[in-house]
């Protein structure tokens, strides 16, 4: 089967690019499919995620839209960029002649209805629909797609009556090791330094007064081997305001870390069962979050018990346990 993935900018060091590279490699090397990745935007940076030599790679080199202090000018540039991207994509698709096309990210959602092809079109919703600034336009995506794949139950609900809306979460590789010492008095939070991740709320929760926090909070920078870092801690914390799918939560759980999390939309409640593998707190309730932190930090036995349960939850997201759903999807779509 000829499979094409549409990605905004494959030079980005993001979760979408990472998971697409993993799926492309698996479909090509293990299942023998003819896979090509199409990167839409022009970007001179090198691709960070490795691809098997059997995988095709096409750059459409569409210039980024320009921003202006005038809203009309910005809108005009974005529309022109979308039109240029659609035109170049249709030419590339005609040459590639795929059987199925997976559209990812916001640009993919906008391009899908304008892709003239006999191939099956599938939209992968990596940013939950309610948090997407263009989500009001997704009715056309939903109507045009042969399938919509969501990462969480909440996002599935947001897509409502779309044709063939399915839940297939992202997967992770099985960690090489897990937490061995729950007596370590070290907690870890992982994520980009952006408003979405809520680290400002986490710091407010961590401090109970105006004491200097320099000795208690450390910004460790970027890690290229985060799965090797988790086992050095005994508690995971996630203070996000919203998520597409909380991959760091899944990774931490798979390494045997219990978690204290806000009940953010979407995905927190899909993973954390309160009092089983962590503590889940109402979104934005910093007082309750602080109390949950104190409760977890004061009991090594609780961290160990919840951590052992967390490992069992994390196993559900191992690649071998998830990838079969993608194979089933391919088989189903090829018959429709």
Protein backbone atom coordinates (compact mmCIF):
# COMPACT_ATOMS: atom_id res chain seq x y z
CA UNK A 1 0.00 0.00 0.00
CA UNK A 2 1.23 3.49 -0.86
CA UNK A 3 0.97 5.75 2.20
CA UNK A 4 1.63 9.49 2.41
CA UNK A 5 1.94 11.61 5.56
CA UNK A 6 1.34 15.36 5.29
CA UNK A 7 3.29 17.36 7.90
CA UNK A 8 3.52 21.15 8.18
CA UNK A 9 7.26 21.31 8.79
CA UNK A 10 9.21 18.12 9.39
CA UNK A 11 12.23 20.10 10.57
CA UNK A 12 10.37 20.97 13.76
CA UNK A 13 11.47 19.18 16.93
CA UNK A 14 7.94 18.37 18.03
CA UNK A 15 5.75 15.49 19.11
CA UNK A 16 3.90 15.26 15.79
CA UNK A 17 7.11 14.97 13.80
CA UNK A 18 8.46 12.38 16.21
CA UNK A 19 5.39 10.13 16.15
CA UNK A 20 5.07 10.40 12.35
CA UNK A 21 8.69 9.31 11.95
CA UNK A 22 8.11 6.32 14.24
CA UNK A 23 4.94 5.26 12.40
CA UNK A 24 6.54 5.73 8.99
CA UNK A 25 9.55 3.61 9.96
CA UNK A 26 7.34 0.86 11.39
CA UNK A 27 4.99 0.74 8.39
CA UNK A 28 7.89 0.65 5.94
CA UNK A 29 10.39 -1.68 7.61
CA UNK A 30 8.08 -4.09 9.40
CA UNK A 31 4.97 -4.13 7.21
CA UNK A 32 6.52 -3.39 3.82
CA UNK A 33 4.37 -0.40 2.86
CA UNK A 34 5.57 2.29 0.45
CA UNK A 35 5.72 5.37 2.69
CA UNK A 36 6.43 9.00 1.80
CA UNK A 37 6.48 12.05 4.07
CA UNK A 38 5.50 15.40 2.55
CA UNK A 39 6.73 18.48 4.42
CA UNK A 40 4.81 21.60 3.39
CA UNK A 41 6.75 24.64 4.60
CA UNK A 42 10.14 25.83 3.41
CA UNK A 43 12.69 25.33 6.19
CA UNK A 44 16.46 25.09 5.78
CA UNK A 45 16.98 23.33 9.09
CA UNK A 46 17.95 19.65 8.95
CA UNK A 47 15.40 16.96 9.78
CA UNK A 48 15.95 15.83 13.37
CA UNK A 49 14.12 12.52 13.41
CA UNK A 50 15.73 9.64 11.56
CA UNK A 51 13.91 7.94 8.71
CA UNK A 52 14.68 4.60 7.14
CA UNK A 53 16.27 4.87 3.69
CA UNK A 54 13.19 3.20 2.21
CA UNK A 55 10.98 6.17 3.12
CA UNK A 56 10.45 8.90 0.56
CA UNK A 57 10.68 12.55 1.55
CA UNK A 58 9.19 15.46 -0.40
CA UNK A 59 9.51 19.17 0.38
CA UNK A 60 6.84 21.47 -1.04
CA UNK A 61 8.89 24.53 0.03
CA UNK A 62 5.85 26.73 0.63
CA UNK A 63 6.97 30.03 2.25
CA UNK A 64 5.55 30.77 5.68
CA UNK A 65 2.72 33.28 5.85
CA UNK A 66 3.83 36.76 6.89
CA UNK A 67 2.50 38.46 9.99
CA UNK A 68 1.39 42.07 10.01
CA UNK A 69 -0.08 44.48 12.54
CA UNK A 70 -2.96 44.75 10.09
CA UNK A 71 -5.35 41.83 10.49
CA UNK A 72 -6.55 41.98 6.89
CA UNK A 73 -2.99 41.76 5.57
CA UNK A 74 -2.23 38.80 7.84
CA UNK A 75 -5.40 37.02 6.74
CA UNK A 76 -4.63 37.65 3.07
CA UNK A 77 -1.14 36.19 3.51
CA UNK A 78 -2.49 33.10 5.25
CA UNK A 79 -5.08 32.50 2.55
CA UNK A 80 -2.45 32.91 -0.16
CA UNK A 81 -0.19 30.45 1.68
CA UNK A 82 -3.03 27.93 1.99
CA UNK A 83 -3.82 28.23 -1.72
CA UNK A 84 -0.15 27.79 -2.65
CA UNK A 85 0.16 24.78 -0.35
CA UNK A 86 -2.98 23.17 -1.79
CA UNK A 87 -1.74 23.66 -5.36
CA UNK A 88 1.69 22.17 -4.68
CA UNK A 89 0.23 19.35 -2.63
CA UNK A 90 -2.13 18.33 -5.41
CA UNK A 91 0.77 18.19 -7.87
CA UNK A 92 2.82 16.06 -5.47
CA UNK A 93 -0.09 13.73 -4.73
CA UNK A 94 -0.74 13.25 -8.44
CA UNK A 95 2.87 12.10 -8.89
CA UNK A 96 2.92 9.91 -5.79
CA UNK A 97 -0.48 8.32 -6.51
CA UNK A 98 -1.01 7.06 -2.93
CA UNK A 99 -3.69 4.73 -1.62
CA UNK A 100 -4.09 6.59 1.65
CA UNK A 101 -3.05 10.04 2.91
CA UNK A 102 -2.69 10.95 6.57
CA UNK A 103 -3.11 14.68 7.22
CA UNK A 104 -1.60 15.96 10.47
CA UNK A 105 -1.61 19.27 12.37
CA UNK A 106 -3.78 22.31 11.71
CA UNK A 107 -2.55 22.90 8.18
CA UNK A 108 -3.29 19.29 7.33
CA UNK A 109 -6.88 19.72 8.53
CA UNK A 110 -7.30 22.77 6.31
CA UNK A 111 -5.69 21.12 3.26
CA UNK A 112 -7.59 17.83 3.42
CA UNK A 113 -10.86 19.07 1.84
CA UNK A 114 -8.92 20.65 -1.04
CA UNK A 115 -6.80 17.62 -1.88
CA UNK A 116 -8.02 16.24 -5.21
CA UNK A 117 -7.31 12.54 -5.04
CA UNK A 118 -8.90 9.11 -5.19
CA UNK A 119 -6.83 8.12 -2.15
CA UNK A 120 -8.49 7.67 1.21
CA UNK A 121 -8.02 10.76 3.39
CA UNK A 122 -7.50 10.48 7.14
CA UNK A 123 -7.12 13.37 9.55
CA UNK A 124 -4.99 12.83 12.69
CA UNK A 125 -6.06 15.27 15.41
CA UNK A 126 -2.88 15.91 17.40
CA UNK A 127 -4.12 19.20 18.85
CA UNK A 128 -7.54 18.63 20.40
CA UNK A 129 -10.20 20.41 18.39
CA UNK A 130 -11.46 22.80 21.13
CA UNK A 131 -7.96 24.29 21.48
CA UNK A 132 -7.37 24.78 17.78
CA UNK A 133 -7.84 28.42 16.66
CA UNK A 134 -9.28 27.24 13.34
CA UNK A 135 -11.54 24.57 14.76
CA UNK A 136 -14.71 26.22 13.42
CA UNK A 137 -13.49 25.34 9.93
CA UNK A 138 -13.08 21.67 10.83
CA UNK A 139 -16.67 20.84 9.90
CA UNK A 140 -15.43 20.66 6.32
CA UNK A 141 -12.49 18.46 7.33
CA UNK A 142 -14.82 16.18 9.26
CA UNK A 143 -17.23 15.98 6.32
CA UNK A 144 -14.50 15.26 3.77
CA UNK A 145 -12.34 12.78 5.68
CA UNK A 146 -12.73 9.04 5.34
CA UNK A 147 -11.70 8.81 9.00
CA UNK A 148 -10.79 11.13 11.87
CA UNK A 149 -8.34 9.74 14.42
CA UNK A 150 -8.35 11.27 17.90
CA UNK A 151 -5.88 10.74 20.71
CA UNK A 152 -8.30 11.12 23.63
CA UNK A 153 -11.93 10.46 24.50
CA UNK A 154 -12.52 14.19 24.99
CA UNK A 155 -11.37 15.04 21.47
CA UNK A 156 -13.56 12.26 20.06
CA UNK A 157 -16.53 13.88 21.76
CA UNK A 158 -15.56 17.25 20.28
CA UNK A 159 -15.69 15.79 16.76
CA UNK A 160 -19.12 14.39 17.48
CA UNK A 161 -20.87 12.85 14.50
CA UNK A 162 -17.92 12.84 12.13
CA UNK A 163 -17.68 9.90 9.75
CA UNK A 164 -15.71 7.07 11.28
CA UNK A 165 -14.24 8.94 14.27
CA UNK A 166 -11.86 6.61 16.08
CA UNK A 167 -9.60 6.65 19.13
CA UNK A 168 -5.98 5.62 18.61
CA UNK A 169 -3.57 7.10 21.17
CA UNK A 170 0.05 7.82 20.44
CA UNK A 171 2.46 5.13 21.51
CA UNK A 172 5.82 5.09 23.27
CA UNK A 173 8.79 2.79 23.15
CA UNK A 174 9.16 0.49 26.13
CA UNK A 175 11.55 2.15 28.61
CA UNK A 176 14.85 0.42 29.31
CA UNK A 177 14.43 0.79 33.06
CA UNK A 178 11.97 2.00 35.67
CA UNK A 179 12.06 3.61 39.11
CA UNK A 180 14.10 1.53 41.54
CA UNK A 181 14.13 3.81 44.60
CA UNK A 182 10.91 5.49 45.69
CA UNK A 183 12.75 6.93 48.67
CA UNK A 184 14.37 9.60 46.50
CA UNK A 185 12.97 12.97 47.45
CA UNK A 186 12.96 14.30 43.91
CA UNK A 187 9.96 15.28 41.78
CA UNK A 188 10.02 15.97 38.05
CA UNK A 189 7.86 18.01 35.66
CA UNK A 190 8.54 17.90 31.90
CA UNK A 191 7.39 20.19 29.10
CA UNK A 192 7.98 23.30 27.04
CA UNK A 193 8.17 26.62 28.85
CA UNK A 194 4.83 27.82 27.51
CA UNK A 195 1.58 28.96 29.07
CA UNK A 196 -0.10 25.70 28.05
CA UNK A 197 2.13 23.69 30.40
CA UNK A 198 1.17 25.69 33.49
CA UNK A 199 4.59 25.84 35.13
CA UNK A 200 3.63 29.22 36.58
CA UNK A 201 0.80 27.50 38.46
CA UNK A 202 3.14 24.72 39.52
CA UNK A 203 5.56 27.20 41.09
CA UNK A 204 2.66 28.86 42.91
CA UNK A 205 1.63 25.44 44.21
CA UNK A 206 5.16 24.56 45.24
CA UNK A 207 5.74 27.65 47.34
CA UNK A 208 3.63 27.93 50.48
CA UNK A 209 5.06 31.36 51.33
CA UNK A 210 7.47 33.91 49.91
CA UNK A 211 10.63 31.90 50.55
CA UNK A 212 13.31 31.84 47.86
CA UNK A 213 12.90 28.73 45.71
CA UNK A 214 16.37 28.66 44.11
CA UNK A 215 17.38 25.56 46.07
CA UNK A 216 14.17 23.69 45.32
CA UNK A 217 13.35 24.35 41.66
CA UNK A 218 15.83 23.76 38.86
CA UNK A 219 15.29 24.38 35.14
CA UNK A 220 17.26 21.51 33.64
CA UNK A 221 16.99 22.44 29.96
CA UNK A 222 16.29 20.14 27.04
CA UNK A 223 16.90 16.39 27.31
CA UNK A 224 17.46 14.03 24.40
CA UNK A 225 16.99 10.93 26.54
CA UNK A 226 14.09 11.79 28.84
CA UNK A 227 13.09 8.15 29.29
CA UNK A 228 16.44 7.60 31.02
CA UNK A 229 15.82 10.61 33.27
CA UNK A 230 12.43 9.68 34.74
CA UNK A 231 13.72 6.71 36.79
CA UNK A 232 16.00 9.06 38.74
CA UNK A 233 12.91 10.57 40.43
CA UNK A 234 10.11 9.22 42.62
CA UNK A 235 7.24 11.55 41.70
CA UNK A 236 5.91 13.06 38.47
CA UNK A 237 3.97 16.34 38.35
CA UNK A 238 1.89 17.73 35.48
CA UNK A 239 0.28 21.15 35.73
CA UNK A 240 -0.91 21.63 32.14
CA UNK A 241 -3.87 23.84 31.27
CA UNK A 242 -4.71 21.64 28.26
CA UNK A 243 -3.15 18.92 26.11
CA UNK A 244 -3.63 17.13 22.81
CA UNK A 245 -2.43 13.97 24.50
CA UNK A 246 -0.16 14.14 27.58
CA UNK A 247 2.82 12.16 26.31
CA UNK A 248 5.07 13.10 29.24
CA UNK A 249 2.42 11.72 31.58
CA UNK A 250 2.35 8.43 29.67
CA UNK A 251 6.15 8.25 29.60
CA UNK A 252 6.46 8.94 33.32
CA UNK A 253 3.81 6.34 34.16
CA UNK A 254 5.56 3.76 31.97
CA UNK A 255 8.73 4.33 33.98
CA UNK A 256 6.82 3.63 37.19
CA UNK A 257 6.36 7.19 38.39
CA UNK A 258 3.16 8.08 40.26
CA UNK A 259 1.69 11.39 39.12
CA UNK A 260 -0.02 14.42 40.59
CA UNK A 261 -1.95 16.14 37.79
CA UNK A 262 -4.61 18.73 37.14
CA UNK A 263 -7.68 17.27 35.42
CA UNK A 264 -6.84 19.14 32.25
CA UNK A 265 -8.58 18.65 28.92
CA UNK A 266 -7.81 16.28 27.38
CA UNK A 267 -6.27 13.02 28.50
CA UNK A 268 -5.54 13.37 32.22
CA UNK A 269 -8.58 11.33 33.26
CA UNK A 270 -7.89 8.80 30.48
CA UNK A 271 -4.63 7.91 32.21
CA UNK A 272 -4.73 8.77 35.93
CA UNK A 273 -7.16 7.02 38.25
CA UNK A 274 -7.34 8.94 41.49
CA UNK A 275 -5.91 6.93 44.36
CA UNK A 276 -4.64 4.17 42.07
CA UNK A 277 -1.72 5.40 39.99
CA UNK A 278 -1.70 9.02 41.13
CA UNK A 279 -3.80 11.93 42.34
CA UNK A 280 -5.93 13.97 39.96
CA UNK A 281 -7.07 17.45 41.03
CA UNK A 282 -9.73 19.79 39.63
CA UNK A 283 -8.23 22.07 37.00
CA UNK A 284 -6.81 25.28 38.48
CA UNK A 285 -7.34 24.36 42.15
CA UNK A 286 -3.84 25.20 43.35
CA UNK A 287 -4.71 24.65 47.01
CA UNK A 288 -5.85 21.09 46.36
CA UNK A 289 -2.85 20.52 44.09
CA UNK A 290 -0.48 21.65 46.86
CA UNK A 291 -2.20 19.33 49.32
CA UNK A 292 -1.90 16.44 46.87
CA UNK A 293 1.80 17.14 46.44
CA UNK A 294 2.36 17.19 50.20
CA UNK A 295 0.40 13.97 50.62
CA UNK A 296 2.41 12.17 47.96
CA UNK A 297 5.76 13.55 49.08
CA UNK A 298 5.18 12.54 52.70
CA UNK A 299 4.67 8.84 51.94
CA UNK A 300 7.24 6.62 50.28
CA UNK A 301 4.83 3.70 50.55
CA UNK A 302 2.19 5.63 48.60
CA UNK A 303 4.66 6.59 45.90
CA UNK A 304 5.73 2.97 45.55
CA UNK A 305 2.18 1.58 45.47
CA UNK A 306 0.92 4.16 42.98
CA UNK A 307 4.13 3.84 40.97
CA UNK A 308 3.72 0.10 40.54
CA UNK A 309 0.18 0.68 39.31
CA UNK A 310 1.44 3.44 37.03
CA UNK A 311 3.78 1.03 35.29
CA UNK A 312 0.83 -1.22 34.43
CA UNK A 313 -1.08 1.76 33.01
CA UNK A 314 1.93 2.86 30.98
CA UNK A 315 2.26 -0.57 29.38
CA UNK A 316 -1.03 -0.02 27.58
CA UNK A 317 0.73 2.63 25.46
CA UNK A 318 3.73 0.53 24.43
CA UNK A 319 4.12 0.44 20.66
CA UNK A 320 3.33 -3.27 20.41
CA UNK A 321 0.02 -2.69 22.19
CA UNK A 322 -1.07 0.28 20.07
CA UNK A 323 0.30 -0.19 16.57
CA UNK A 324 -2.06 -3.05 15.76
CA UNK A 325 -4.88 -0.46 15.78
CA UNK A 326 -3.21 1.39 12.90
CA UNK A 327 -2.92 -1.84 10.94
CA UNK A 328 -6.60 -2.54 11.57
CA UNK A 329 -7.44 0.97 10.37
CA UNK A 330 -5.48 0.47 7.14
CA UNK A 331 -7.24 -2.82 6.49
CA UNK A 332 -10.65 -1.32 7.23
CA UNK A 333 -10.17 1.76 5.04
CA UNK A 334 -8.78 -0.25 2.14
CA UNK A 335 -12.05 -2.22 2.05
CA UNK A 336 -14.41 0.78 2.21
